[in-house]
Amino acid sequence: MSERPPLKEQVTDQLRKALDADDPDAKNFHIRSALQFEECIEATDQADNAHTD
């Protein structure tokens, strides 16, 4: 099984792909993917903070 890059790197990668995409549907896909990764980061941060309280 291959290791995935950290979520923040995946967000950056998706945003770069969105900027490079000519097709509006591809842009939309990459932007949505970046937003989903950001939500994962936020949820992970909240869970980490809940465990330290």
Protein backbone atom coordinates (compact mmCIF):
# COMPACT_ATOMS: atom_id res chain seq x y z
CA MET A 1 0.00 0.00 0.00
CA SER A 2 1.45 3.38 -0.98
CA GLU A 3 1.62 6.21 1.49
CA ARG A 4 -0.39 9.34 0.74
CA PRO A 5 1.02 12.83 1.24
CA PRO A 6 -0.28 14.85 4.20
CA LEU A 7 -3.72 16.40 3.76
CA LYS A 8 -2.33 19.95 3.47
CA GLU A 9 -0.16 18.87 0.54
CA GLN A 10 -3.17 17.21 -1.07
CA VAL A 11 -5.14 20.46 -0.73
CA THR A 12 -2.35 22.38 -2.45
CA ASP A 13 -2.13 19.76 -5.19
CA GLN A 14 -5.87 19.90 -5.85
CA LEU A 15 -5.84 23.70 -6.03
CA ARG A 16 -2.94 23.62 -8.50
CA LYS A 17 -4.83 21.13 -10.63
CA ALA A 18 -7.88 23.41 -10.52
CA LEU A 19 -5.80 26.34 -11.73
CA ASP A 20 -4.31 24.25 -14.54
CA ALA A 21 -7.62 22.76 -15.68
CA ASP A 22 -9.31 24.20 -18.74
CA ASP A 23 -12.54 22.24 -18.34
CA PRO A 24 -14.99 23.86 -15.89
CA ASP A 25 -16.08 20.45 -14.61
CA ALA A 26 -12.48 19.49 -13.87
CA LYS A 27 -11.92 22.82 -12.08
CA ASN A 28 -15.05 22.22 -10.03
CA PHE A 29 -13.93 18.69 -9.13
CA HIS A 30 -10.51 19.82 -7.92
CA ILE A 31 -11.90 22.76 -5.94
CA ARG A 32 -14.46 20.50 -4.27
CA SER A 33 -11.73 17.98 -3.47
CA ALA A 34 -9.61 20.70 -1.87
CA LEU A 35 -12.56 21.82 0.24
CA GLN A 36 -13.19 18.26 1.37
CA PHE A 37 -9.55 17.83 2.37
CA GLU A 38 -9.79 21.08 4.35
CA GLU A 39 -12.87 19.73 6.15
CA CYS A 40 -10.91 16.58 7.04
CA ILE A 41 -8.08 18.70 8.42
CA GLU A 42 -10.51 20.75 10.50
CA ALA A 43 -12.29 17.64 11.83
CA THR A 44 -8.96 16.05 12.75
CA ASP A 45 -7.85 19.21 14.55
CA GLN A 46 -11.13 19.37 16.47
CA ALA A 47 -10.86 15.71 17.46
CA ASP A 48 -7.26 16.22 18.60
CA ASN A 49 -8.29 19.23 20.66
CA ALA A 50 -11.20 17.33 22.23
CA HIS A 51 -8.82 14.60 23.40
CA THR A 52 -6.45 17.08 25.03
CA ASP A 53 -9.19 18.88 27.00
